[in-house]
Amino acid sequence: MPDIDLKNSKQELYNGYSRHNETKSIIIDFINNKISSFIFRYNRTDKNSLVSYSTFDFNFCYIENEIETELFYINCKHSRKTLLSFLEILQYIENNYDVSLTNEFYNDGYFYDKKNEEIVRYLYR
């Protein structure tokens, strides 16, 4: 299974972390074409009791004319570097472009710490 499945072009990327710039340019192209609303969804697929040994899947969608369309499916089962790369891209986009980025996830009690702060971005460091 590929690390990143590009839904809009039916393209699959293996070693997604090594395609960092290509992935970033795809998202920037959408922003330059007046798409400014995105959703980043994640779910814990392997419910291991230790979060650091759990696996996750991620979907990155864009919203155009109030219609949600999946852009990427990110598989982090075999390559945690892909997740780190994608999170770096999201942080770059959020800091440098005027976009609406919504994070959605299934809360099974493992995504928050005791202070109810999001921790999923720190799981794979």
PDB file of N, CA and C in Angstrom:
ATOM      1  N   MET A   1       0.843  -1.177   0.000  1.00  0.00           N
ATOM      2  CA  MET A   1       0.000   0.000   0.000  1.00  0.00           C
ATOM      3  C   MET A   1       0.890   1.243   0.000  1.00  0.00           C
ATOM      4  N   PRO A   2       0.525   2.257  -0.764  1.00  0.00           N
ATOM      5  CA  PRO A   2       1.347   3.473  -0.809  1.00  0.00           C
ATOM      6  C   PRO A   2       1.216   4.277   0.479  1.00  0.00           C
ATOM      7  N   ASP A   3       2.204   5.123   0.723  1.00  0.00           N
ATOM      8  CA  ASP A   3       2.145   6.027   1.875  1.00  0.00           C
ATOM      9  C   ASP A   3       1.061   7.077   1.673  1.00  0.00           C
ATOM     10  N   ILE A   4       1.007   7.632   0.471  1.00  0.00           N
ATOM     11  CA  ILE A   4       0.037   8.685   0.168  1.00  0.00           C
ATOM     12  C   ILE A   4      -0.701   8.310  -1.108  1.00  0.00           C
ATOM     13  N   ASP A   5      -2.015   8.335  -1.043  1.00  0.00           N
ATOM     14  CA  ASP A   5      -2.862   8.052  -2.197  1.00  0.00           C
ATOM     15  C   ASP A   5      -3.524   9.366  -2.600  1.00  0.00           C
ATOM     16  N   LEU A   6      -3.138   9.898  -3.762  1.00  0.00           N
ATOM     17  CA  LEU A   6      -3.704  11.158  -4.244  1.00  0.00           C
ATOM     18  C   LEU A   6      -5.025  10.865  -4.942  1.00  0.00           C
ATOM     19  N   LYS A   7      -6.110  11.229  -4.323  1.00  0.00           N
ATOM     20  CA  LYS A   7      -7.431  10.880  -4.838  1.00  0.00           C
ATOM     21  C   LYS A   7      -7.805  11.651  -6.094  1.00  0.00           C
ATOM     22  N   ASN A   8      -7.335  12.893  -6.226  1.00  0.00           N
ATOM     23  CA  ASN A   8      -7.761  13.709  -7.364  1.00  0.00           C
ATOM     24  C   ASN A   8      -7.085  13.299  -8.667  1.00  0.00           C
ATOM     25  N   SER A   9      -5.883  12.725  -8.594  1.00  0.00           N
ATOM     26  CA  SER A   9      -5.180  12.344  -9.822  1.00  0.00           C
ATOM     27  C   SER A   9      -4.935  10.845  -9.915  1.00  0.00           C
ATOM     28  N   LYS A  10      -5.494  10.084  -8.978  1.00  0.00           N
ATOM     29  CA  LYS A  10      -5.331   8.624  -8.942  1.00  0.00           C
ATOM     30  C   LYS A  10      -3.858   8.222  -8.903  1.00  0.00           C
ATOM     31  N   GLN A  11      -3.045   9.028  -8.256  1.00  0.00           N
ATOM     32  CA  GLN A  11      -1.612   8.776  -8.166  1.00  0.00           C
ATOM     33  C   GLN A  11      -1.282   8.270  -6.767  1.00  0.00           C
ATOM     34  N   GLU A  12      -0.360   7.322  -6.679  1.00  0.00           N
ATOM     35  CA  GLU A  12       0.070   6.804  -5.394  1.00  0.00           C
ATOM     36  C   GLU A  12       1.539   7.147  -5.178  1.00  0.00           C
ATOM     37  N   LEU A  13       1.864   7.608  -3.985  1.00  0.00           N
ATOM     38  CA  LEU A  13       3.239   7.970  -3.660  1.00  0.00           C
ATOM     39  C   LEU A  13       3.789   7.000  -2.622  1.00  0.00           C
ATOM     40  N   TYR A  14       4.861   6.358  -2.952  1.00  0.00           N
ATOM     41  CA  TYR A  14       5.570   5.538  -1.977  1.00  0.00           C
ATOM     42  C   TYR A  14       6.689   6.390  -1.395  1.00  0.00           C
ATOM     43  N   ASN A  15       7.098   6.088  -0.176  1.00  0.00           N
ATOM     44  CA  ASN A  15       8.091   6.917   0.512  1.00  0.00           C
ATOM     45  C   ASN A  15       7.656   8.383   0.482  1.00  0.00           C
ATOM     46  N   GLY A  16       6.450   8.623   0.991  1.00  0.00           N
ATOM     47  CA  GLY A  16       5.856   9.949   0.936  1.00  0.00           C
ATOM     48  C   GLY A  16       6.731  11.039   1.503  1.00  0.00           C
ATOM     49  N   TYR A  17       7.537  10.709   2.499  1.00  0.00           N
ATOM     50  CA  TYR A  17       8.410  11.723   3.096  1.00  0.00           C
ATOM     51  C   TYR A  17       9.453  12.212   2.102  1.00  0.00           C
ATOM     52  N   SER A  18       9.852  11.367   1.153  1.00  0.00           N
ATOM     53  CA  SER A  18      10.838  11.800   0.163  1.00  0.00           C
ATOM     54  C   SER A  18      10.193  12.636  -0.939  1.00  0.00           C
ATOM     55  N   ARG A  19       8.861  12.700  -0.958  1.00  0.00           N
ATOM     56  CA  ARG A  19       8.119  13.497  -1.941  1.00  0.00           C
ATOM     57  C   ARG A  19       7.535  14.743  -1.285  1.00  0.00           C
ATOM     58  N   HIS A  20       8.178  15.195  -0.232  1.00  0.00           N
ATOM     59  CA  HIS A  20       7.712  16.315   0.583  1.00  0.00           C
ATOM     60  C   HIS A  20       7.385  17.541  -0.274  1.00  0.00           C
ATOM     61  N   ASN A  21       8.313  17.966  -1.109  1.00  0.00           N
ATOM     62  CA  ASN A  21       8.109  19.178  -1.911  1.00  0.00           C
ATOM     63  C   ASN A  21       6.995  19.003  -2.928  1.00  0.00           C
ATOM     64  N   GLU A  22       6.885  17.819  -3.499  1.00  0.00           N
ATOM     65  CA  GLU A  22       5.813  17.546  -4.459  1.00  0.00           C
ATOM     66  C   GLU A  22       4.443  17.622  -3.781  1.00  0.00           C
ATOM     67  N   THR A  23       4.342  17.022  -2.608  1.00  0.00           N
ATOM     68  CA  THR A  23       3.083  17.049  -1.857  1.00  0.00           C
ATOM     69  C   THR A  23       2.725  18.478  -1.469  1.00  0.00           C
ATOM     70  N   LYS A  24       3.711  19.228  -0.995  1.00  0.00           N
ATOM     71  CA  LYS A  24       3.469  20.619  -0.603  1.00  0.00           C
ATOM     72  C   LYS A  24       3.011  21.444  -1.801  1.00  0.00           C
ATOM     73  N   SER A  25       3.617  21.245  -2.955  1.00  0.00           N
ATOM     74  CA  SER A  25       3.235  22.032  -4.138  1.00  0.00           C
ATOM     75  C   SER A  25       1.817  21.709  -4.603  1.00  0.00           C
ATOM     76  N   ILE A  26       1.368  20.470  -4.409  1.00  0.00           N
ATOM     77  CA  ILE A  26      -0.010  20.110  -4.769  1.00  0.00           C
ATOM     78  C   ILE A  26      -0.991  20.922  -3.925  1.00  0.00           C
ATOM     79  N   ILE A  27      -0.739  20.999  -2.620  1.00  0.00           N
ATOM     80  CA  ILE A  27      -1.626  21.758  -1.731  1.00  0.00           C
ATOM     81  C   ILE A  27      -1.559  23.248  -2.055  1.00  0.00           C
ATOM     82  N   ILE A  28      -0.373  23.763  -2.309  1.00  0.00           N
ATOM     83  CA  ILE A  28      -0.228  25.184  -2.644  1.00  0.00           C
ATOM     84  C   ILE A  28      -0.946  25.504  -3.951  1.00  0.00           C
ATOM     85  N   ASP A  29      -0.913  24.596  -4.919  1.00  0.00           N
ATOM     86  CA  ASP A  29      -1.659  24.792  -6.170  1.00  0.00           C
ATOM     87  C   ASP A  29      -3.155  24.932  -5.903  1.00  0.00           C
ATOM     88  N   PHE A  30      -3.677  24.127  -4.994  1.00  0.00           N
ATOM     89  CA  PHE A  30      -5.093  24.250  -4.634  1.00  0.00           C
ATOM     90  C   PHE A  30      -5.370  25.610  -4.004  1.00  0.00           C
ATOM     91  N   ILE A  31      -4.482  26.051  -3.121  1.00  0.00           N
ATOM     92  CA  ILE A  31      -4.655  27.357  -2.480  1.00  0.00           C
ATOM     93  C   ILE A  31      -4.598  28.468  -3.523  1.00  0.00           C
ATOM     94  N   ASN A  32      -3.667  28.370  -4.458  1.00  0.00           N
ATOM     95  CA  ASN A  32      -3.553  29.374  -5.518  1.00  0.00           C
ATOM     96  C   ASN A  32      -4.759  29.377  -6.453  1.00  0.00           C
ATOM     97  N   ASN A  33      -5.482  28.265  -6.490  1.00  0.00           N
ATOM     98  CA  ASN A  33      -6.710  28.178  -7.290  1.00  0.00           C
ATOM     99  C   ASN A  33      -7.949  28.468  -6.449  1.00  0.00           C
ATOM    100  N   LYS A  34      -7.749  29.246  -5.385  1.00  0.00           N
ATOM    101  CA  LYS A  34      -8.840  29.765  -4.545  1.00  0.00           C
ATOM    102  C   LYS A  34      -9.517  28.715  -3.666  1.00  0.00           C
ATOM    103  N   ILE A  35      -8.850  27.604  -3.389  1.00  0.00           N
ATOM    104  CA  ILE A  35      -9.358  26.646  -2.409  1.00  0.00           C
ATOM    105  C   ILE A  35      -8.676  26.989  -1.095  1.00  0.00           C
ATOM    106  N   SER A  36      -9.451  27.373  -0.100  1.00  0.00           N
ATOM    107  CA  SER A  36      -8.824  27.816   1.147  1.00  0.00           C
ATOM    108  C   SER A  36      -9.403  27.141   2.386  1.00  0.00           C
ATOM    109  N   SER A  37     -10.173  26.090   2.184  1.00  0.00           N
ATOM    110  CA  SER A  37     -10.758  25.396   3.320  1.00  0.00           C
ATOM    111  C   SER A  37     -10.398  23.913   3.243  1.00  0.00           C
ATOM    112  N   PHE A  38      -9.750  23.424   4.305  1.00  0.00           N
ATOM    113  CA  PHE A  38      -9.270  22.051   4.327  1.00  0.00           C
ATOM    114  C   PHE A  38      -9.665  21.366   5.627  1.00  0.00           C
ATOM    115  N   ILE A  39      -9.748  20.047   5.577  1.00  0.00           N
ATOM    116  CA  ILE A  39     -10.031  19.242   6.769  1.00  0.00           C
ATOM    117  C   ILE A  39      -8.966  18.157   6.857  1.00  0.00           C
ATOM    118  N   PHE A  40      -8.371  18.017   8.027  1.00  0.00           N
ATOM    119  CA  PHE A  40      -7.393  16.968   8.287  1.00  0.00           C
ATOM    120  C   PHE A  40      -8.022  16.030   9.302  1.00  0.00           C
ATOM    121  N   ARG A  41      -8.330  14.794   8.886  1.00  0.00           N
ATOM    122  CA  ARG A  41      -8.989  13.804   9.748  1.00  0.00           C
ATOM    123  C   ARG A  41      -8.007  12.702  10.110  1.00  0.00           C
ATOM    124  N   TYR A  42      -8.059  12.262  11.339  1.00  0.00           N
ATOM    125  CA  TYR A  42      -7.224  11.138  11.716  1.00  0.00           C
ATOM    126  C   TYR A  42      -7.968  10.221  12.665  1.00  0.00           C
ATOM    127  N   ASN A  43      -7.566   8.961  12.629  1.00  0.00           N
ATOM    128  CA  ASN A  43      -8.223   7.934  13.405  1.00  0.00           C
ATOM    129  C   ASN A  43      -7.182   6.892  13.807  1.00  0.00           C
ATOM    130  N   ARG A  44      -7.293   6.402  15.018  1.00  0.00           N
ATOM    131  CA  ARG A  44      -6.380   5.343  15.465  1.00  0.00           C
ATOM    132  C   ARG A  44      -6.935   4.015  14.986  1.00  0.00           C
ATOM    133  N   THR A  45      -6.209   3.340  14.106  1.00  0.00           N
ATOM    134  CA  THR A  45      -6.710   2.100  13.505  1.00  0.00           C
ATOM    135  C   THR A  45      -6.284   0.868  14.274  1.00  0.00           C
ATOM    136  N   ASP A  46      -5.136   0.914  14.904  1.00  0.00           N
ATOM    137  CA  ASP A  46      -4.629  -0.209  15.678  1.00  0.00           C
ATOM    138  C   ASP A  46      -4.697   0.201  17.136  1.00  0.00           C
ATOM    139  N   LYS A  47      -5.634  -0.337  17.870  1.00  0.00           N
ATOM    140  CA  LYS A  47      -5.898   0.135  19.218  1.00  0.00           C
ATOM    141  C   LYS A  47      -4.981  -0.535  20.246  1.00  0.00           C
ATOM    142  N   ASN A  48      -3.704  -0.341  20.080  1.00  0.00           N
ATOM    143  CA  ASN A  48      -2.726  -0.830  21.029  1.00  0.00           C
ATOM    144  C   ASN A  48      -2.837   0.001  22.302  1.00  0.00           C
ATOM    145  N   SER A  49      -2.614  -0.621  23.447  1.00  0.00           N
ATOM    146  CA  SER A  49      -2.746   0.124  24.701  1.00  0.00           C
ATOM    147  C   SER A  49      -1.669   1.195  24.850  1.00  0.00           C
ATOM    148  N   LEU A  50      -0.546   1.021  24.183  1.00  0.00           N
ATOM    149  CA  LEU A  50       0.490   2.046  24.201  1.00  0.00           C
ATOM    150  C   LEU A  50       0.368   2.880  22.938  1.00  0.00           C
ATOM    151  N   VAL A  51       0.080   4.156  23.099  1.00  0.00           N
ATOM    152  CA  VAL A  51      -0.166   5.022  21.950  1.00  0.00           C
ATOM    153  C   VAL A  51       1.016   5.034  20.994  1.00  0.00           C
ATOM    154  N   SER A  52       2.223   5.007  21.518  1.00  0.00           N
ATOM    155  CA  SER A  52       3.395   5.074  20.639  1.00  0.00           C
ATOM    156  C   SER A  52       3.517   3.852  19.738  1.00  0.00           C
ATOM    157  N   TYR A  53       2.801   2.769  20.050  1.00  0.00           N
ATOM    158  CA  TYR A  53       2.813   1.579  19.199  1.00  0.00           C
ATOM    159  C   TYR A  53       1.548   1.459  18.363  1.00  0.00           C
ATOM    160  N   SER A  54       0.672   2.423  18.462  1.00  0.00           N
ATOM    161  CA  SER A  54      -0.563   2.414  17.680  1.00  0.00           C
ATOM    162  C   SER A  54      -0.290   2.885  16.258  1.00  0.00           C
ATOM    163  N   THR A  55      -1.196   2.548  15.356  1.00  0.00           N
ATOM    164  CA  THR A  55      -1.092   3.050  13.987  1.00  0.00           C
ATOM    165  C   THR A  55      -2.325   3.894  13.689  1.00  0.00           C
ATOM    166  N   PHE A  56      -2.160   4.803  12.755  1.00  0.00           N
ATOM    167  CA  PHE A  56      -3.204   5.760  12.440  1.00  0.00           C
ATOM    168  C   PHE A  56      -3.403   5.838  10.937  1.00  0.00           C
ATOM    169  N   ASP A  57      -4.593   6.250  10.533  1.00  0.00           N
ATOM    170  CA  ASP A  57      -4.776   6.632   9.140  1.00  0.00           C
ATOM    171  C   ASP A  57      -5.303   8.058   9.117  1.00  0.00           C
ATOM    172  N   PHE A  58      -5.028   8.735   8.026  1.00  0.00           N
ATOM    173  CA  PHE A  58      -5.316  10.155   7.915  1.00  0.00           C
ATOM    174  C   PHE A  58      -5.950  10.442   6.565  1.00  0.00           C
ATOM    175  N   ASN A  59      -6.856  11.387   6.555  1.00  0.00           N
ATOM    176  CA  ASN A  59      -7.459  11.860   5.316  1.00  0.00           C
ATOM    177  C   ASN A  59      -7.334  13.373   5.287  1.00  0.00           C
ATOM    178  N   PHE A  60      -6.975  13.891   4.141  1.00  0.00           N
ATOM    179  CA  PHE A  60      -6.869  15.335   3.961  1.00  0.00           C
ATOM    180  C   PHE A  60      -7.850  15.713   2.863  1.00  0.00           C
ATOM    181  N   CYS A  61      -8.815  16.558   3.200  1.00  0.00           N
ATOM    182  CA  CYS A  61      -9.888  16.925   2.273  1.00  0.00           C
ATOM    183  C   CYS A  61      -9.876  18.433   2.038  1.00  0.00           C
ATOM    184  N   TYR A  62     -10.454  18.832   0.932  1.00  0.00           N
ATOM    185  CA  TYR A  62     -10.660  20.256   0.682  1.00  0.00           C
ATOM    186  C   TYR A  62     -12.145  20.486   0.461  1.00  0.00           C
ATOM    187  N   ILE A  63     -12.570  21.719   0.693  1.00  0.00           N
ATOM    188  CA  ILE A  63     -13.978  22.074   0.527  1.00  0.00           C
ATOM    189  C   ILE A  63     -14.068  23.141  -0.548  1.00  0.00           C
ATOM    190  N   GLU A  64     -14.874  22.848  -1.559  1.00  0.00           N
ATOM    191  CA  GLU A  64     -15.092  23.785  -2.655  1.00  0.00           C
ATOM    192  C   GLU A  64     -16.586  23.839  -2.928  1.00  0.00           C
ATOM    193  N   ASN A  65     -17.149  25.043  -2.908  1.00  0.00           N
ATOM    194  CA  ASN A  65     -18.590  25.232  -3.109  1.00  0.00           C
ATOM    195  C   ASN A  65     -19.404  24.359  -2.157  1.00  0.00           C
ATOM    196  N   GLU A  66     -18.967  24.310  -0.899  1.00  0.00           N
ATOM    197  CA  GLU A  66     -19.622  23.563   0.172  1.00  0.00           C
ATOM    198  C   GLU A  66     -19.640  22.056  -0.058  1.00  0.00           C
ATOM    199  N   ILE A  67     -18.788  21.562  -0.942  1.00  0.00           N
ATOM    200  CA  ILE A  67     -18.681  20.126  -1.202  1.00  0.00           C
ATOM    201  C   ILE A  67     -17.305  19.662  -0.742  1.00  0.00           C
ATOM    202  N   GLU A  68     -17.308  18.650   0.118  1.00  0.00           N
ATOM    203  CA  GLU A  68     -16.064  18.108   0.642  1.00  0.00           C
ATOM    204  C   GLU A  68     -15.543  17.009  -0.286  1.00  0.00           C
ATOM    205  N   THR A  69     -14.265  17.106  -0.644  1.00  0.00           N
ATOM    206  CA  THR A  69     -13.639  16.131  -1.535  1.00  0.00           C
ATOM    207  C   THR A  69     -12.320  15.683  -0.930  1.00  0.00           C
ATOM    208  N   GLU A  70     -12.111  14.379  -0.893  1.00  0.00           N
ATOM    209  CA  GLU A  70     -10.859  13.856  -0.352  1.00  0.00           C
ATOM    210  C   GLU A  70      -9.724  14.090  -1.341  1.00  0.00           C
ATOM    211  N   LEU A  71      -8.646  14.656  -0.840  1.00  0.00           N
ATOM    212  CA  LEU A  71      -7.478  14.930  -1.669  1.00  0.00           C
ATOM    213  C   LEU A  71      -6.392  13.881  -1.450  1.00  0.00           C
ATOM    214  N   PHE A  72      -6.097  13.565  -0.185  1.00  0.00           N
ATOM    215  CA  PHE A  72      -5.073  12.583   0.155  1.00  0.00           C
ATOM    216  C   PHE A  72      -5.621  11.558   1.127  1.00  0.00           C
ATOM    217  N   TYR A  73      -5.140  10.339   1.006  1.00  0.00           N
ATOM    218  CA  TYR A  73      -5.246   9.355   2.076  1.00  0.00           C
ATOM    219  C   TYR A  73      -3.811   9.069   2.485  1.00  0.00           C
ATOM    220  N   ILE A  74      -3.490   9.224   3.749  1.00  0.00           N
ATOM    221  CA  ILE A  74      -2.126   9.036   4.221  1.00  0.00           C
ATOM    222  C   ILE A  74      -2.080   7.797   5.102  1.00  0.00           C
ATOM    223  N   ASN A  75      -1.269   6.843   4.706  1.00  0.00           N
ATOM    224  CA  ASN A  75      -1.115   5.598   5.443  1.00  0.00           C
ATOM    225  C   ASN A  75       0.186   5.663   6.231  1.00  0.00           C
ATOM    226  N   CYS A  76       0.094   5.641   7.542  1.00  0.00           N
ATOM    227  CA  CYS A  76       1.293   5.773   8.368  1.00  0.00           C
ATOM    228  C   CYS A  76       1.673   4.465   9.043  1.00  0.00           C
ATOM    229  N   LYS A  77       1.129   3.368   8.569  1.00  0.00           N
ATOM    230  CA  LYS A  77       1.421   2.084   9.196  1.00  0.00           C
ATOM    231  C   LYS A  77       2.880   1.678   9.009  1.00  0.00           C
ATOM    232  N   HIS A  78       3.437   1.942   7.837  1.00  0.00           N
ATOM    233  CA  HIS A  78       4.793   1.488   7.552  1.00  0.00           C
ATOM    234  C   HIS A  78       5.813   2.613   7.536  1.00  0.00           C
ATOM    235  N   SER A  79       5.372   3.856   7.503  1.00  0.00           N
ATOM    236  CA  SER A  79       6.330   4.962   7.421  1.00  0.00           C
ATOM    237  C   SER A  79       5.883   6.137   8.275  1.00  0.00           C
ATOM    238  N   ARG A  80       6.426   6.231   9.455  1.00  0.00           N
ATOM    239  CA  ARG A  80       6.090   7.351  10.332  1.00  0.00           C
ATOM    240  C   ARG A  80       6.698   8.648   9.821  1.00  0.00           C
ATOM    241  N   LYS A  81       7.744   8.537   9.009  1.00  0.00           N
ATOM    242  CA  LYS A  81       8.349   9.733   8.427  1.00  0.00           C
ATOM    243  C   LYS A  81       7.351  10.450   7.525  1.00  0.00           C
ATOM    244  N   THR A  82       6.450   9.691   6.896  1.00  0.00           N
ATOM    245  CA  THR A  82       5.439  10.304   6.035  1.00  0.00           C
ATOM    246  C   THR A  82       4.539  11.219   6.847  1.00  0.00           C
ATOM    247  N   LEU A  83       4.133  10.778   8.023  1.00  0.00           N
ATOM    248  CA  LEU A  83       3.295  11.609   8.886  1.00  0.00           C
ATOM    249  C   LEU A  83       4.034  12.873   9.291  1.00  0.00           C
ATOM    250  N   LEU A  84       5.273  12.741   9.729  1.00  0.00           N
ATOM    251  CA  LEU A  84       6.045  13.922  10.122  1.00  0.00           C
ATOM    252  C   LEU A  84       6.166  14.900   8.971  1.00  0.00           C
ATOM    253  N   SER A  85       6.423  14.379   7.786  1.00  0.00           N
ATOM    254  CA  SER A  85       6.534  15.223   6.599  1.00  0.00           C
ATOM    255  C   SER A  85       5.222  15.955   6.342  1.00  0.00           C
ATOM    256  N   PHE A  86       4.107  15.228   6.425  1.00  0.00           N
ATOM    257  CA  PHE A  86       2.811  15.839   6.149  1.00  0.00           C
ATOM    258  C   PHE A  86       2.454  16.884   7.199  1.00  0.00           C
ATOM    259  N   LEU A  87       2.757  16.615   8.458  1.00  0.00           N
ATOM    260  CA  LEU A  87       2.482  17.595   9.512  1.00  0.00           C
ATOM    261  C   LEU A  87       3.333  18.850   9.336  1.00  0.00           C
ATOM    262  N   GLU A  88       4.559  18.697   8.863  1.00  0.00           N
ATOM    263  CA  GLU A  88       5.393  19.867   8.563  1.00  0.00           C
ATOM    264  C   GLU A  88       4.776  20.698   7.446  1.00  0.00           C
ATOM    265  N   ILE A  89       4.234  20.016   6.443  1.00  0.00           N
ATOM    266  CA  ILE A  89       3.573  20.722   5.338  1.00  0.00           C
ATOM    267  C   ILE A  89       2.368  21.495   5.858  1.00  0.00           C
ATOM    268  N   LEU A  90       1.551  20.849   6.691  1.00  0.00           N
ATOM    269  CA  LEU A  90       0.364  21.522   7.236  1.00  0.00           C
ATOM    270  C   LEU A  90       0.759  22.739   8.061  1.00  0.00           C
ATOM    271  N   GLN A  91       1.802  22.601   8.853  1.00  0.00           N
ATOM    272  CA  GLN A  91       2.259  23.733   9.659  1.00  0.00           C
ATOM    273  C   GLN A  91       2.741  24.868   8.760  1.00  0.00           C
ATOM    274  N   TYR A  92       3.463  24.548   7.714  1.00  0.00           N
ATOM    275  CA  TYR A  92       3.938  25.559   6.769  1.00  0.00           C
ATOM    276  C   TYR A  92       2.757  26.274   6.106  1.00  0.00           C
ATOM    277  N   ILE A  93       1.773  25.511   5.658  1.00  0.00           N
ATOM    278  CA  ILE A  93       0.590  26.074   4.991  1.00  0.00           C
ATOM    279  C   ILE A  93      -0.164  26.993   5.950  1.00  0.00           C
ATOM    280  N   GLU A  94      -0.356  26.512   7.173  1.00  0.00           N
ATOM    281  CA  GLU A  94      -1.093  27.294   8.170  1.00  0.00           C
ATOM    282  C   GLU A  94      -0.381  28.608   8.508  1.00  0.00           C
ATOM    283  N   ASN A  95       0.934  28.577   8.561  1.00  0.00           N
ATOM    284  CA  ASN A  95       1.711  29.767   8.925  1.00  0.00           C
ATOM    285  C   ASN A  95       1.886  30.756   7.788  1.00  0.00           C
ATOM    286  N   ASN A  96       1.804  30.299   6.542  1.00  0.00           N
ATOM    287  CA  ASN A  96       2.149  31.157   5.406  1.00  0.00           C
ATOM    288  C   ASN A  96       0.996  31.485   4.464  1.00  0.00           C
ATOM    289  N   TYR A  97      -0.161  30.892   4.675  1.00  0.00           N
ATOM    290  CA  TYR A  97      -1.304  31.139   3.796  1.00  0.00           C
ATOM    291  C   TYR A  97      -2.549  31.384   4.633  1.00  0.00           C
ATOM    292  N   ASP A  98      -3.469  32.120   4.058  1.00  0.00           N
ATOM    293  CA  ASP A  98      -4.735  32.398   4.726  1.00  0.00           C
ATOM    294  C   ASP A  98      -5.713  31.278   4.388  1.00  0.00           C
ATOM    295  N   VAL A  99      -5.689  30.223   5.195  1.00  0.00           N
ATOM    296  CA  VAL A  99      -6.539  29.059   4.954  1.00  0.00           C
ATOM    297  C   VAL A  99      -7.290  28.699   6.227  1.00  0.00           C
ATOM    298  N   SER A 100      -8.364  27.973   6.036  1.00  0.00           N
ATOM    299  CA  SER A 100      -9.109  27.410   7.150  1.00  0.00           C
ATOM    300  C   SER A 100      -8.768  25.925   7.211  1.00  0.00           C
ATOM    301  N   LEU A 101      -8.108  25.510   8.279  1.00  0.00           N
ATOM    302  CA  LEU A 101      -7.721  24.111   8.439  1.00  0.00           C
ATOM    303  C   LEU A 101      -8.393  23.563   9.684  1.00  0.00           C
ATOM    304  N   THR A 102      -9.252  22.576   9.499  1.00  0.00           N
ATOM    305  CA  THR A 102      -9.981  21.964  10.597  1.00  0.00           C
ATOM    306  C   THR A 102      -9.379  20.602  10.891  1.00  0.00           C
ATOM    307  N   ASN A 103      -9.111  20.325  12.152  1.00  0.00           N
ATOM    308  CA  ASN A 103      -8.647  19.006  12.576  1.00  0.00           C
ATOM    309  C   ASN A 103      -9.824  18.239  13.156  1.00  0.00           C
ATOM    310  N   GLU A 104     -10.064  17.049  12.634  1.00  0.00           N
ATOM    311  CA  GLU A 104     -11.142  16.203  13.147  1.00  0.00           C
ATOM    312  C   GLU A 104     -10.575  14.827  13.442  1.00  0.00           C
ATOM    313  N   PHE A 105     -11.004  14.244  14.543  1.00  0.00           N
ATOM    314  CA  PHE A 105     -10.558  12.895  14.849  1.00  0.00           C
ATOM    315  C   PHE A 105     -11.573  12.205  15.733  1.00  0.00           C
ATOM    316  N   TYR A 106     -11.507  10.885  15.706  1.00  0.00           N
ATOM    317  CA  TYR A 106     -12.336  10.088  16.586  1.00  0.00           C
ATOM    318  C   TYR A 106     -11.651  10.068  17.944  1.00  0.00           C
ATOM    319  N   ASN A 107     -12.295  10.589  18.954  1.00  0.00           N
ATOM    320  CA  ASN A 107     -11.692  10.683  20.278  1.00  0.00           C
ATOM    321  C   ASN A 107     -11.957   9.404  21.062  1.00  0.00           C
ATOM    322  N   ASP A 108     -10.928   8.584  21.169  1.00  0.00           N
ATOM    323  CA  ASP A 108     -11.063   7.359  21.958  1.00  0.00           C
ATOM    324  C   ASP A 108     -10.288   7.467  23.274  1.00  0.00           C
ATOM    325  N   GLY A 109      -9.997   8.685  23.668  1.00  0.00           N
ATOM    326  CA  GLY A 109      -9.325   8.902  24.934  1.00  0.00           C
ATOM    327  C   GLY A 109      -7.814   8.947  24.849  1.00  0.00           C
ATOM    328  N   TYR A 110      -7.259   8.679  23.688  1.00  0.00           N
ATOM    329  CA  TYR A 110      -5.806   8.647  23.557  1.00  0.00           C
ATOM    330  C   TYR A 110      -5.248   9.864  22.848  1.00  0.00           C
ATOM    331  N   PHE A 111      -6.108  10.741  22.370  1.00  0.00           N
ATOM    332  CA  PHE A 111      -5.624  11.883  21.613  1.00  0.00           C
ATOM    333  C   PHE A 111      -5.408  13.118  22.472  1.00  0.00           C
ATOM    334  N   TYR A 112      -5.794  13.057  23.735  1.00  0.00           N
ATOM    335  CA  TYR A 112      -5.635  14.205  24.620  1.00  0.00           C
ATOM    336  C   TYR A 112      -4.827  13.819  25.845  1.00  0.00           C
ATOM    337  N   ASP A 113      -4.101  14.785  26.370  1.00  0.00           N
ATOM    338  CA  ASP A 113      -3.395  14.548  27.615  1.00  0.00           C
ATOM    339  C   ASP A 113      -4.295  14.974  28.780  1.00  0.00           C
ATOM    340  N   LYS A 114      -3.756  15.011  29.981  1.00  0.00           N
ATOM    341  CA  LYS A 114      -4.560  15.328  31.166  1.00  0.00           C
ATOM    342  C   LYS A 114      -5.117  16.744  31.142  1.00  0.00           C
ATOM    343  N   LYS A 115      -4.469  17.638  30.421  1.00  0.00           N
ATOM    344  CA  LYS A 115      -4.934  19.021  30.331  1.00  0.00           C
ATOM    345  C   LYS A 115      -5.877  19.227  29.150  1.00  0.00           C
ATOM    346  N   ASN A 116      -6.291  18.133  28.504  1.00  0.00           N
ATOM    347  CA  ASN A 116      -7.156  18.191  27.321  1.00  0.00           C
ATOM    348  C   ASN A 116      -6.516  18.959  26.175  1.00  0.00           C
ATOM    349  N   GLU A 117      -5.222  18.790  26.008  1.00  0.00           N
ATOM    350  CA  GLU A 117      -4.523  19.401  24.895  1.00  0.00           C
ATOM    351  C   GLU A 117      -4.222  18.325  23.860  1.00  0.00           C
ATOM    352  N   GLU A 118      -4.310  18.715  22.609  1.00  0.00           N
ATOM    353  CA  GLU A 118      -4.082  17.754  21.542  1.00  0.00           C
ATOM    354  C   GLU A 118      -2.636  17.260  21.559  1.00  0.00           C
ATOM    355  N   ILE A 119      -2.464  15.937  21.479  1.00  0.00           N
ATOM    356  CA  ILE A 119      -1.114  15.380  21.496  1.00  0.00           C
ATOM    357  C   ILE A 119      -0.791  14.566  20.251  1.00  0.00           C
ATOM    358  N   VAL A 120      -1.722  14.382  19.350  1.00  0.00           N
ATOM    359  CA  VAL A 120      -1.468  13.494  18.216  1.00  0.00           C
ATOM    360  C   VAL A 120      -0.284  13.946  17.377  1.00  0.00           C
ATOM    361  N   ARG A 121      -0.021  15.234  17.308  1.00  0.00           N
ATOM    362  CA  ARG A 121       1.097  15.721  16.497  1.00  0.00           C
ATOM    363  C   ARG A 121       2.450  15.360  17.108  1.00  0.00           C
ATOM    364  N   TYR A 122       2.473  14.949  18.354  1.00  0.00           N
ATOM    365  CA  TYR A 122       3.735  14.626  19.016  1.00  0.00           C
ATOM    366  C   TYR A 122       3.972  13.122  19.130  1.00  0.00           C
ATOM    367  N   LEU A 123       3.069  12.315  18.615  1.00  0.00           N
ATOM    368  CA  LEU A 123       3.163  10.873  18.812  1.00  0.00           C
ATOM    369  C   LEU A 123       4.354  10.238  18.120  1.00  0.00           C
ATOM    370  N   TYR A 124       4.736  10.769  16.977  1.00  0.00           N
ATOM    371  CA  TYR A 124       5.744  10.085  16.171  1.00  0.00           C
ATOM    372  C   TYR A 124       7.105  10.760  16.200  1.00  0.00           C
ATOM    373  N   ARG A 125       7.389  11.537  17.185  1.00  0.00           N
ATOM    374  CA  ARG A 125       8.700  12.198  17.241  1.00  0.00           C
ATOM    375  C   ARG A 125       9.776  11.226  17.621  1.00  0.00           C
TER     376      ARG A 125
END
